[in-house]
Amino acid sequence: MADKMRVGWLWFDNDKGRTVKEKVLRAAGAYREKFGQMPNTCYVHPQAMAQEEQQCEGVHIVTARHILPHHFWLGMEGRAL
């Protein structure tokens, strides 16, 4: 069983002209530039998506109630600290 993500990077995007997937890809690109690798997980507020989970170009997008609207918590789930 994979470990839950405990450390991540928070991204804010309230642009109404972008879809959630576009926002996640934009945030993932910035994460890659900063940390040298693509994240594999992104947590979003439940109102951001109709489904609880989906995939977007290798990034697992998951809803979580503790994430504020328009915020995206990205990181590497399943890796030990």
Protein backbone atom coordinates (compact mmCIF):
# COMPACT_ATOMS: atom_id res chain seq x y z
CA MET A 1 0.00 0.00 0.00
CA ALA A 2 1.38 3.42 -0.96
CA ASP A 3 2.20 6.00 1.68
CA LYS A 4 0.04 9.11 1.69
CA MET A 5 1.71 12.33 0.64
CA ARG A 6 2.93 14.20 3.73
CA VAL A 7 5.08 16.88 2.11
CA GLY A 8 4.08 18.86 -0.94
CA TRP A 9 4.05 22.18 -2.71
CA LEU A 10 1.00 24.45 -2.66
CA TRP A 11 -0.09 26.27 -5.84
CA PHE A 12 -2.89 28.85 -6.16
CA ASP A 13 -4.81 29.42 -9.40
CA ASN A 14 -8.23 31.10 -9.50
CA ASP A 15 -8.27 31.76 -13.26
CA LYS A 16 -11.86 31.07 -14.36
CA GLY A 17 -10.70 30.70 -17.97
CA ARG A 18 -8.79 27.46 -17.26
CA THR A 19 -10.09 23.97 -16.59
CA VAL A 20 -8.93 22.04 -13.54
CA LYS A 21 -6.75 19.84 -15.74
CA GLU A 22 -5.12 22.92 -17.30
CA LYS A 23 -4.45 24.33 -13.84
CA VAL A 24 -2.96 21.04 -12.64
CA LEU A 25 -0.69 20.80 -15.69
CA ARG A 26 0.43 24.40 -15.24
CA ALA A 27 1.16 23.78 -11.54
CA ALA A 28 2.92 20.48 -12.34
CA GLY A 29 5.14 22.27 -14.87
CA ALA A 30 6.13 24.85 -12.27
CA TYR A 31 6.78 22.03 -9.77
CA ARG A 32 9.03 20.29 -12.34
CA GLU A 33 10.99 23.50 -12.92
CA LYS A 34 11.47 24.03 -9.18
CA PHE A 35 12.21 20.44 -8.08
CA GLY A 36 13.50 18.76 -11.26
CA GLN A 37 10.78 16.12 -11.56
CA MET A 38 7.08 15.90 -12.27
CA PRO A 39 4.78 15.37 -9.29
CA ASN A 40 2.68 12.22 -9.36
CA THR A 41 -0.18 13.50 -7.18
CA CYS A 42 -2.25 16.66 -6.86
CA TYR A 43 -4.92 17.23 -4.23
CA VAL A 44 -7.74 19.69 -5.00
CA HIS A 45 -10.88 20.93 -3.25
CA PRO A 46 -13.92 18.66 -3.88
CA GLN A 47 -15.82 21.45 -5.68
CA ALA A 48 -13.09 21.56 -8.33
CA MET A 49 -14.10 18.20 -9.85
CA ALA A 50 -17.26 16.18 -10.35
CA GLN A 51 -15.37 12.92 -9.64
CA GLU A 52 -13.23 12.10 -6.64
CA GLU A 53 -10.21 11.03 -8.70
CA GLN A 54 -8.82 11.29 -12.22
CA GLN A 55 -5.53 11.14 -14.12
CA CYS A 56 -3.95 13.92 -16.15
CA GLU A 57 -0.74 13.15 -18.03
CA GLY A 58 0.71 11.04 -15.23
CA VAL A 59 -0.57 13.18 -12.35
CA HIS A 60 -3.16 11.53 -10.11
CA ILE A 61 -5.71 14.22 -9.18
CA VAL A 62 -7.57 13.55 -5.92
CA THR A 63 -10.19 15.59 -4.08
CA ALA A 64 -9.65 16.37 -0.40
CA ARG A 65 -11.84 18.46 1.90
CA HIS A 66 -8.86 20.01 3.69
CA ILE A 67 -7.66 21.74 0.48
CA LEU A 68 -9.00 25.27 0.03
CA PRO A 69 -10.78 26.22 -3.21
CA HIS A 70 -8.40 27.27 -6.02
CA HIS A 71 -5.44 25.61 -4.26
CA PHE A 72 -3.49 22.65 -5.62
CA TRP A 73 -1.26 20.55 -3.36
CA LEU A 74 1.32 18.74 -5.49
CA GLY A 75 3.98 16.21 -4.61
CA MET A 76 5.22 12.65 -4.75
CA GLU A 77 2.83 10.22 -3.09
CA GLY A 78 4.12 6.79 -2.24
CA ARG A 79 7.69 7.84 -1.48
CA ALA A 80 9.28 7.76 1.96
CA LEU A 81 10.59 11.02 3.38
